[in-house]
């Protein structure tokens, strides 16, 4: 499992999710297990993509959110 670590904010390349030039950003307590193919989120999770500029997208609903990182 990957842990967000100190200060509660982390990013990890999301190539394992099939997303190009994309990072998953999440706050403290969220975990991401790419190897097992399962994604477990204990807190709000967002996707940061470089397509057409930086956008924050809620991975669960696909809704665009205010930029947070």
Protein backbone atom coordinates (compact mmCIF):
# COMPACT_ATOMS: atom_id res chain seq x y z
CA UNK A 1 0.00 0.00 0.00
CA UNK A 2 1.12 3.55 -0.70
CA UNK A 3 0.62 6.05 2.07
CA UNK A 4 0.08 9.78 1.63
CA UNK A 5 2.76 10.28 4.27
CA UNK A 6 3.69 13.43 6.15
CA UNK A 7 1.44 16.49 6.11
CA UNK A 8 -1.37 14.44 4.60
CA UNK A 9 -0.88 15.40 0.95
CA UNK A 10 0.71 13.12 -1.62
CA UNK A 11 0.90 12.40 -5.32
CA UNK A 12 1.75 9.23 -7.18
CA UNK A 13 2.04 8.61 -10.94
CA UNK A 14 -1.18 6.97 -12.07
CA UNK A 15 0.28 5.09 -15.02
CA UNK A 16 -0.78 1.89 -13.29
CA UNK A 17 -4.36 3.09 -13.71
CA UNK A 18 -3.87 3.53 -17.45
CA UNK A 19 -3.84 7.32 -17.19
CA UNK A 20 -1.13 9.19 -19.10
CA UNK A 21 0.63 12.19 -17.50
CA UNK A 22 -1.71 11.95 -14.57
CA UNK A 23 -1.21 12.05 -10.84
CA UNK A 24 -3.57 11.03 -8.11
CA UNK A 25 -3.60 13.52 -5.23
CA UNK A 26 -5.20 12.69 -1.93
CA UNK A 27 -5.23 13.73 1.67
CA UNK A 28 -4.18 11.97 4.85
CA UNK A 29 -5.43 8.44 5.38
CA UNK A 30 -5.97 7.51 1.74
CA UNK A 31 -4.25 4.42 0.39
CA UNK A 32 -3.63 3.21 -3.14
CA UNK A 33 -2.68 -0.36 -4.02
CA UNK A 34 -1.74 -0.47 -7.70
CA UNK A 35 -0.16 -3.92 -7.63
CA UNK A 36 -3.32 -5.65 -6.50
CA UNK A 37 -5.53 -3.66 -8.84
CA UNK A 38 -7.62 -2.39 -5.94
CA UNK A 39 -7.97 1.24 -4.92
CA UNK A 40 -9.09 1.94 -1.37
CA UNK A 41 -9.87 5.50 -0.36
CA UNK A 42 -10.58 6.37 3.23
CA UNK A 43 -10.81 10.10 2.42
CA UNK A 44 -11.64 12.40 -0.50
CA UNK A 45 -9.60 11.59 -3.59
CA UNK A 46 -8.86 13.67 -6.64
CA UNK A 47 -7.21 13.18 -10.00
CA UNK A 48 -4.84 15.81 -11.36
CA UNK A 49 -4.41 15.73 -15.13
CA UNK A 50 -2.19 17.73 -17.44
CA UNK A 51 -4.56 17.41 -20.38
CA UNK A 52 -5.76 20.90 -21.33
CA UNK A 53 -4.14 22.45 -18.29
CA UNK A 54 -4.31 21.39 -14.69
CA UNK A 55 -7.71 20.22 -13.55
CA UNK A 56 -8.80 18.52 -10.38
CA UNK A 57 -11.39 15.83 -11.01
CA UNK A 58 -13.23 13.81 -8.41
CA UNK A 59 -12.39 10.23 -9.38
CA UNK A 60 -15.65 8.86 -8.01
CA UNK A 61 -18.05 11.24 -9.77
CA UNK A 62 -15.97 12.72 -12.60
CA UNK A 63 -16.93 16.20 -11.41
CA UNK A 64 -14.39 18.97 -11.93
CA UNK A 65 -13.42 20.59 -8.64
CA UNK A 66 -11.51 23.73 -7.66
CA UNK A 67 -7.75 23.40 -8.08
CA UNK A 68 -6.15 22.23 -4.84
CA UNK A 69 -2.60 21.45 -5.84
